[in-house]
Amino acid sequence: MNTLMIAALPATARPTFSSTTTDDPDLRRAGLTPADAARIGEALAAARTDGTRRLYDIVWGQWQRWCTERGVAAVPADPLTVCAYLTERAEAGRATGTLDMACTVIRHVHRTTGTVDPIASEAVRQVRRGLRRTYGAAPRRLARPLSVEEIRQIVGCIDRTSPHGIRDAAIILLGYASAMRRAELVALDLADIEHKPAGLLLHIRQSKTDPEGHGQQVAVVHGQHALTDPVAAVNAWRTIRGNAPGALFTRIWGSSVSSERLSGHVPARMLRTRAEAAGLDGTRITAHSLRAGHATAAALAGVPLNRIAAQTRHKDLGVVVNRYIRPLEALATTSSKDLGL
């Protein structure tokens, strides 16, 4: 493996070298300069998001420590060593999704380093299949979709004379109306908002389904009620925030609005707190409750599937059907309502 490919590895899997990249014979053969090597290394490192890289670091570190304790090589790994790791962790109660992630990272490091992928072995494949049959997959704990009535209840209890209240109402209403992901909401800059007579055009520079940053647009129109008008809520926040370039949604220290962008965790905590203050059970309320609520409310209102998917930007219509439409149809068509219980 040449030293450039090190940038594609988890930080905990990177070897250390006393030589510089220009000492690598592969790089010399390619006629690369140190500047070339630096640019290529940066591009390789950017192939995955910061969150994915952090997750890979953690998962590889766990595997590496286990191998050290056992006195075996983490890379190249023997397939039976991987089998032992997976079965031990499954017995300890790790979810199948956690085991799948371990396999993904182990495969990534082996392929990047040009060594044989142990995950592709028949032994590992059969062990993974057996673990799924033995332990099963834990049911996903899905966020509870919020209804329009619940959104009214939540924002109706917010003091919208304070900076915190104005900002939080804008996040909730824009998140619900746009069906954006929480990471997309906090990534919005003031320059990403385009005002139109009918409402707002939101320019999403990068998202989960657009990791390469081709760009997407989402439209939000004026609401029918002053209490829940997302455009008016965003405009009220902009008045408080000011017109300085940068993040749309920022931190507030005391009563002072800063220019510091909110982290992705803030909308979830804020929404749960605001929902509980309005008398709702916040157990399964997350930031995704806004996006899920939009899709569910739209389906209940009879909005065609293709329009819902266009707003949520789901590439796979089956996801929209299985996650939002079928649960509603099941409740509407179940024969249990005709039993007279």
Protein backbone atom coordinates (compact mmCIF):
# COMPACT_ATOMS: atom_id res chain seq x y z
CA MET A 1 0.00 0.00 0.00
CA ASN A 2 1.40 3.39 -0.91
CA THR A 3 1.34 6.13 1.68
CA LEU A 4 -1.43 8.05 -0.08
CA MET A 5 -3.98 5.33 0.70
CA ILE A 6 -3.31 5.81 4.41
CA ALA A 7 -5.64 8.83 4.26
CA ALA A 8 -8.55 6.49 3.44
CA LEU A 9 -7.99 4.42 6.59
CA PRO A 10 -9.52 5.01 10.03
CA ALA A 11 -7.11 7.07 12.14
CA THR A 12 -6.58 4.12 14.49
CA ALA A 13 -5.56 1.90 11.56
CA ARG A 14 -2.94 4.19 10.08
CA PRO A 15 0.68 3.07 10.33
CA THR A 16 3.36 5.61 11.16
CA PHE A 17 6.27 6.25 8.84
CA SER A 18 9.58 7.97 9.40
CA SER A 19 9.85 8.74 5.70
CA THR A 20 7.91 11.30 3.72
CA THR A 21 5.46 10.54 0.94
CA THR A 22 8.13 11.38 -1.63
CA ASP A 23 10.07 8.27 -0.47
CA ASP A 24 7.23 6.03 -1.67
CA PRO A 25 8.41 4.29 -4.88
CA ASP A 26 4.84 4.17 -6.25
CA LEU A 27 4.57 7.93 -5.95
CA ARG A 28 7.96 8.48 -7.54
CA ARG A 29 6.99 6.23 -10.46
CA ALA A 30 3.81 8.27 -10.95
CA GLY A 31 5.83 11.48 -10.97
CA LEU A 32 3.89 12.99 -8.08
CA THR A 33 5.08 16.06 -6.25
CA PRO A 34 4.51 16.57 -2.50
CA ALA A 35 1.73 19.00 -3.43
CA ASP A 36 0.07 16.33 -5.60
CA ALA A 37 0.29 13.83 -2.76
CA ALA A 38 -1.22 16.32 -0.30
CA ARG A 39 -4.17 17.13 -2.58
CA ILE A 40 -4.88 13.47 -3.32
CA GLY A 41 -4.65 12.63 0.38
CA GLU A 42 -7.16 15.36 1.22
CA ALA A 43 -9.57 14.05 -1.42
CA LEU A 44 -9.27 10.50 -0.10
CA ALA A 45 -9.91 11.69 3.44
CA ALA A 46 -13.00 13.60 2.25
CA ALA A 47 -14.49 10.53 0.56
CA ARG A 48 -16.44 9.92 3.78
CA THR A 49 -18.19 12.39 6.04
CA ASP A 50 -16.68 13.49 9.35
CA GLY A 51 -19.30 11.46 11.21
CA THR A 52 -18.53 8.31 9.22
CA ARG A 53 -14.79 8.72 9.77
CA ARG A 54 -15.32 9.11 13.53
CA LEU A 55 -17.51 5.99 13.58
CA TYR A 56 -14.90 4.01 11.62
CA ASP A 57 -12.22 5.15 14.08
CA ILE A 58 -14.25 3.88 17.04
CA VAL A 59 -15.21 0.56 15.44
CA TRP A 60 -11.68 -0.19 14.22
CA GLY A 61 -10.25 0.73 17.62
CA GLN A 62 -12.55 -1.82 19.29
CA TRP A 63 -11.48 -4.55 16.87
CA GLN A 64 -7.82 -3.63 17.23
CA ARG A 65 -7.94 -3.76 21.04
CA TRP A 66 -9.68 -7.14 20.98
CA CYS A 67 -7.02 -8.51 18.62
CA THR A 68 -4.23 -7.15 20.83
CA GLU A 69 -5.74 -8.85 23.88
CA ARG A 70 -5.95 -12.13 21.95
CA GLY A 71 -2.45 -11.76 20.53
CA VAL A 72 -3.63 -11.95 16.91
CA ALA A 73 -3.25 -9.65 13.92
CA ALA A 74 -6.00 -7.11 13.24
CA VAL A 75 -4.83 -6.91 9.62
CA PRO A 76 -4.45 -9.18 7.79
CA ALA A 77 -7.07 -10.99 9.87
CA ASP A 78 -7.83 -14.69 9.77
CA PRO A 79 -11.52 -15.33 8.94
CA LEU A 80 -11.86 -17.56 12.01
CA THR A 81 -10.55 -14.72 14.17
CA VAL A 82 -13.35 -12.53 12.81
CA CYS A 83 -15.83 -15.33 13.52
CA ALA A 84 -14.65 -15.52 17.13
CA TYR A 85 -14.99 -11.74 17.51
CA LEU A 86 -18.52 -11.66 16.09
CA THR A 87 -19.80 -14.59 18.14
CA GLU A 88 -18.32 -13.22 21.37
CA ARG A 89 -19.88 -9.80 20.83
CA ALA A 90 -23.22 -11.30 19.84
CA GLU A 91 -23.25 -13.36 23.05
CA ALA A 92 -22.48 -10.15 24.97
CA GLY A 93 -25.68 -8.62 23.59
CA ARG A 94 -24.42 -6.52 20.70
CA ALA A 95 -27.06 -5.84 18.06
CA THR A 96 -26.73 -7.35 14.61
CA GLY A 97 -26.41 -3.84 13.20
CA THR A 98 -23.36 -3.28 15.41
CA LEU A 99 -21.82 -6.53 14.15
CA ASP A 100 -22.57 -5.54 10.56
CA MET A 101 -20.77 -2.23 11.09
CA ALA A 102 -17.73 -4.07 12.47
CA CYS A 103 -17.67 -6.20 9.33
CA THR A 104 -17.97 -3.11 7.12
CA VAL A 105 -14.98 -1.42 8.77
CA ILE A 106 -12.84 -4.57 8.82
CA ARG A 107 -13.58 -5.07 5.12
CA HIS A 108 -12.75 -1.42 4.35
CA VAL A 109 -9.35 -1.56 6.04
CA HIS A 110 -8.39 -4.85 4.38
CA ARG A 111 -9.39 -3.66 0.92
CA THR A 112 -7.65 -0.33 1.40
CA THR A 113 -4.44 -2.03 2.49
CA GLY A 114 -4.61 -4.50 -0.39
CA THR A 115 -4.97 -7.55 1.85
CA VAL A 116 -7.45 -10.42 1.53
CA ASP A 117 -10.89 -9.47 2.85
CA PRO A 118 -11.81 -11.96 5.62
CA ILE A 119 -15.44 -10.81 5.58
CA ALA A 120 -15.81 -12.29 2.09
CA SER A 121 -14.91 -15.77 3.36
CA GLU A 122 -17.56 -18.48 3.48
CA ALA A 123 -16.88 -19.02 7.19
CA VAL A 124 -17.71 -15.41 8.10
CA ARG A 125 -20.75 -15.37 5.82
CA GLN A 126 -22.20 -18.49 7.43
CA VAL A 127 -21.46 -17.28 10.97
CA ARG A 128 -23.19 -13.95 10.28
CA ARG A 129 -26.21 -15.80 8.91
CA GLY A 130 -26.31 -18.04 11.96
CA LEU A 131 -26.08 -15.09 14.35
CA ARG A 132 -29.01 -13.38 12.64
CA ARG A 133 -31.11 -16.52 12.98
CA THR A 134 -30.05 -17.04 16.61
CA TYR A 135 -30.29 -13.50 17.93
CA GLY A 136 -32.41 -11.78 15.31
CA ALA A 137 -32.40 -8.08 14.64
CA ALA A 138 -33.61 -5.68 17.31
CA PRO A 139 -36.65 -3.73 16.11
CA ARG A 140 -35.84 -0.21 15.02
CA ARG A 141 -36.97 2.39 17.51
CA LEU A 142 -38.56 4.77 15.05
CA ALA A 143 -39.25 8.39 15.84
CA ARG A 144 -42.91 9.14 16.44
CA PRO A 145 -44.36 11.30 13.66
CA LEU A 146 -45.85 14.53 14.95
CA SER A 147 -49.27 15.52 13.65
CA VAL A 148 -50.20 19.04 12.53
CA GLU A 149 -52.35 19.36 15.66
CA GLU A 150 -49.37 18.47 17.85
CA ILE A 151 -47.18 20.99 16.03
CA ARG A 152 -49.82 23.65 16.78
CA GLN A 153 -49.84 22.53 20.41
CA ILE A 154 -46.04 22.75 20.67
CA VAL A 155 -45.52 26.13 19.01
CA GLY A 156 -48.59 27.51 20.77
CA CYS A 157 -46.80 27.03 24.10
CA ILE A 158 -43.60 28.78 22.99
CA ASP A 159 -42.93 32.33 24.17
CA ARG A 160 -42.24 33.95 20.81
CA THR A 161 -41.20 37.25 22.30
CA SER A 162 -37.80 35.86 23.36
CA PRO A 163 -34.85 35.08 21.05
CA HIS A 164 -34.90 31.41 22.10
CA GLY A 165 -38.61 31.13 21.42
CA ILE A 166 -38.41 32.86 18.04
CA ARG A 167 -35.52 30.64 16.93
CA ASP A 168 -37.04 27.39 18.21
CA ALA A 169 -40.41 28.08 16.57
CA ALA A 170 -38.63 28.76 13.28
CA ILE A 171 -36.67 25.49 13.50
CA ILE A 172 -39.79 23.46 14.32
CA LEU A 173 -42.02 25.00 11.66
CA LEU A 174 -39.38 25.06 8.93
CA GLY A 175 -38.34 21.50 9.77
CA TYR A 176 -41.93 20.28 9.59
CA ALA A 177 -42.90 22.19 6.45
CA SER A 178 -39.71 21.37 4.54
CA ALA A 179 -39.31 17.73 5.70
CA MET A 180 -35.58 18.37 5.90
CA ARG A 181 -33.22 16.23 7.93
CA ARG A 182 -31.83 17.75 11.13
CA ALA A 183 -28.30 17.90 9.68
CA GLU A 184 -29.64 19.79 6.67
CA LEU A 185 -31.51 22.26 8.88
CA VAL A 186 -28.48 23.21 10.95
CA ALA A 187 -26.28 23.31 7.82
CA LEU A 188 -28.41 26.02 6.21
CA ASP A 189 -26.71 29.36 5.68
CA LEU A 190 -28.52 32.64 5.27
CA ALA A 191 -27.41 32.62 1.62
CA ASP A 192 -29.20 29.29 1.09
CA ILE A 193 -32.63 30.92 1.53
CA GLU A 194 -34.24 32.47 -1.53
CA HIS A 195 -37.39 34.51 -0.97
CA LYS A 196 -40.21 34.15 -3.51
CA PRO A 197 -43.74 35.63 -3.49
CA ALA A 198 -45.20 32.20 -2.67
CA GLY A 199 -42.68 31.36 0.04
CA LEU A 200 -39.08 30.16 0.34
CA LEU A 201 -36.69 28.15 -1.81
CA LEU A 202 -34.12 26.37 0.34
CA HIS A 203 -30.84 25.37 -1.29
CA ILE A 204 -29.39 22.23 0.30
CA ARG A 205 -25.70 22.12 -0.56
CA GLN A 206 -25.06 18.59 0.70
CA SER A 207 -27.18 15.88 2.26
CA LYS A 208 -27.35 12.20 3.18
CA THR A 209 -28.64 11.32 -0.29
CA ASP A 210 -26.35 13.84 -2.01
CA PRO A 211 -22.98 13.32 -0.29
CA GLU A 212 -21.04 14.69 -3.26
CA GLY A 213 -22.78 18.04 -3.00
CA HIS A 214 -24.54 18.34 -6.35
CA GLY A 215 -27.18 20.40 -4.54
CA GLN A 216 -30.93 20.06 -4.03
CA GLN A 217 -33.82 22.47 -3.59
CA VAL A 218 -36.81 22.33 -1.27
CA ALA A 219 -39.77 24.70 -1.41
CA VAL A 220 -41.83 25.93 1.55
CA VAL A 221 -44.94 28.07 1.07
CA HIS A 222 -46.68 30.47 3.43
CA GLY A 223 -48.84 28.78 6.05
CA GLN A 224 -52.60 29.23 6.29
CA HIS A 225 -52.44 30.20 9.97
CA ALA A 226 -50.28 32.86 11.61
CA LEU A 227 -49.39 30.52 14.47
CA THR A 228 -47.87 27.88 12.19
CA ASP A 229 -46.69 29.91 9.17
CA PRO A 230 -43.12 28.64 8.54
CA VAL A 231 -42.18 31.54 6.29
CA ALA A 232 -43.27 34.13 8.85
CA ALA A 233 -41.44 32.20 11.59
CA VAL A 234 -38.18 32.19 9.59
CA ASN A 235 -38.55 35.89 8.80
CA ALA A 236 -39.11 36.67 12.48
CA TRP A 237 -35.92 34.80 13.36
CA ARG A 238 -33.98 36.59 10.60
CA THR A 239 -35.01 39.92 12.11
CA ILE A 240 -33.49 38.86 15.44
CA ARG A 241 -30.47 37.16 13.88
CA GLY A 242 -29.50 39.97 11.54
CA ASN A 243 -28.18 39.84 7.99
CA ALA A 244 -24.57 38.85 8.64
CA PRO A 245 -23.51 35.96 6.38
CA GLY A 246 -23.15 32.52 7.90
CA ALA A 247 -25.31 29.93 9.63
CA LEU A 248 -29.06 30.51 9.61
CA PHE A 249 -29.69 28.90 13.00
CA THR A 250 -27.17 29.95 15.64
CA ARG A 251 -26.56 29.62 19.35
CA ILE A 252 -27.97 32.12 21.83
CA TRP A 253 -25.99 33.01 24.94
CA GLY A 254 -28.32 34.57 27.48
CA SER A 255 -30.27 36.97 25.29
CA SER A 256 -27.39 37.54 22.87
CA VAL A 257 -27.59 35.90 19.44
CA SER A 258 -24.18 34.58 18.39
CA SER A 259 -22.87 33.64 14.94
CA GLU A 260 -22.00 30.10 16.10
CA ARG A 261 -23.82 27.39 14.16
CA LEU A 262 -26.03 24.96 16.09
CA SER A 263 -24.84 21.36 16.32
CA GLY A 264 -27.03 18.60 14.91
CA HIS A 265 -28.02 17.45 18.41
CA VAL A 266 -29.67 20.74 19.41
CA PRO A 267 -32.90 20.40 17.35
CA ALA A 268 -33.65 16.96 18.83
CA ARG A 269 -33.15 18.06 22.44
CA MET A 270 -35.01 21.30 21.85
CA LEU A 271 -37.99 19.62 20.18
CA ARG A 272 -38.34 17.04 22.94
CA THR A 273 -38.16 19.74 25.62
CA ARG A 274 -40.71 21.93 23.81
CA ALA A 275 -43.03 18.96 23.25
CA GLU A 276 -42.94 17.94 26.90
CA ALA A 277 -43.58 21.56 27.94
CA ALA A 278 -46.71 21.38 25.77
CA GLY A 279 -47.88 18.26 27.60
CA LEU A 280 -46.78 15.63 25.07
CA ASP A 281 -44.88 12.44 25.86
CA GLY A 282 -41.35 13.08 24.59
CA THR A 283 -40.13 9.47 24.81
CA ARG A 284 -40.00 8.83 21.05
CA ILE A 285 -39.84 12.41 19.85
CA THR A 286 -36.65 13.25 17.96
CA ALA A 287 -35.75 15.75 15.27
CA HIS A 288 -36.85 13.09 12.75
CA SER A 289 -40.38 13.42 14.18
CA LEU A 290 -40.70 16.58 12.08
CA ARG A 291 -39.71 14.91 8.80
CA ALA A 292 -41.74 11.77 9.57
CA GLY A 293 -44.66 13.92 10.65
CA HIS A 294 -44.67 15.83 7.36
CA ALA A 295 -44.74 12.60 5.33
CA THR A 296 -47.45 11.04 7.49
CA ALA A 297 -49.63 14.17 7.54
CA ALA A 298 -49.27 14.55 3.77
CA ALA A 299 -50.30 10.91 3.25
CA LEU A 300 -53.34 11.39 5.50
CA ALA A 301 -54.27 14.47 3.46
CA GLY A 302 -54.24 12.38 0.28
CA VAL A 303 -51.10 13.88 -1.25
CA PRO A 304 -49.84 11.60 -4.07
CA LEU A 305 -46.82 9.45 -3.26
CA ASN A 306 -44.60 11.06 -5.90
CA ARG A 307 -45.17 14.52 -4.41
CA ILE A 308 -44.34 13.31 -0.90
CA ALA A 309 -41.16 11.63 -2.15
CA ALA A 310 -40.19 14.76 -4.09
CA GLN A 311 -40.43 16.83 -0.89
CA THR A 312 -38.63 14.32 1.35
CA ARG A 313 -36.16 13.55 -1.50
CA HIS A 314 -36.44 9.81 -1.01
CA LYS A 315 -34.94 8.12 -4.05
CA ASP A 316 -36.63 4.83 -3.19
CA LEU A 317 -40.42 5.20 -3.20
CA GLY A 318 -40.62 1.90 -1.32
CA VAL A 319 -39.16 3.62 1.75
CA VAL A 320 -42.01 6.15 1.74
CA VAL A 321 -44.60 3.41 1.22
CA ASN A 322 -43.28 1.04 3.89
CA ARG A 323 -42.44 3.66 6.49
CA TYR A 324 -45.33 6.11 6.17
CA ILE A 325 -48.13 4.88 3.90
CA ARG A 326 -48.63 1.22 4.84
CA PRO A 327 -48.98 1.83 8.60
CA LEU A 328 -51.81 4.25 7.82
CA GLU A 329 -53.45 1.81 5.40
CA ALA A 330 -53.16 -0.99 7.95
CA LEU A 331 -55.09 1.04 10.52
CA ALA A 332 -57.69 2.08 7.96
CA THR A 333 -58.32 -1.39 6.53
CA THR A 334 -57.79 -3.73 9.48
CA SER A 335 -60.63 -6.20 10.02
CA SER A 336 -60.22 -5.81 13.79
CA LYS A 337 -62.45 -2.73 13.68
CA ASP A 338 -65.36 -4.89 12.46
CA LEU A 339 -65.22 -7.43 15.29
CA GLY A 340 -67.39 -5.46 17.69
CA LEU A 341 -64.90 -5.73 20.53
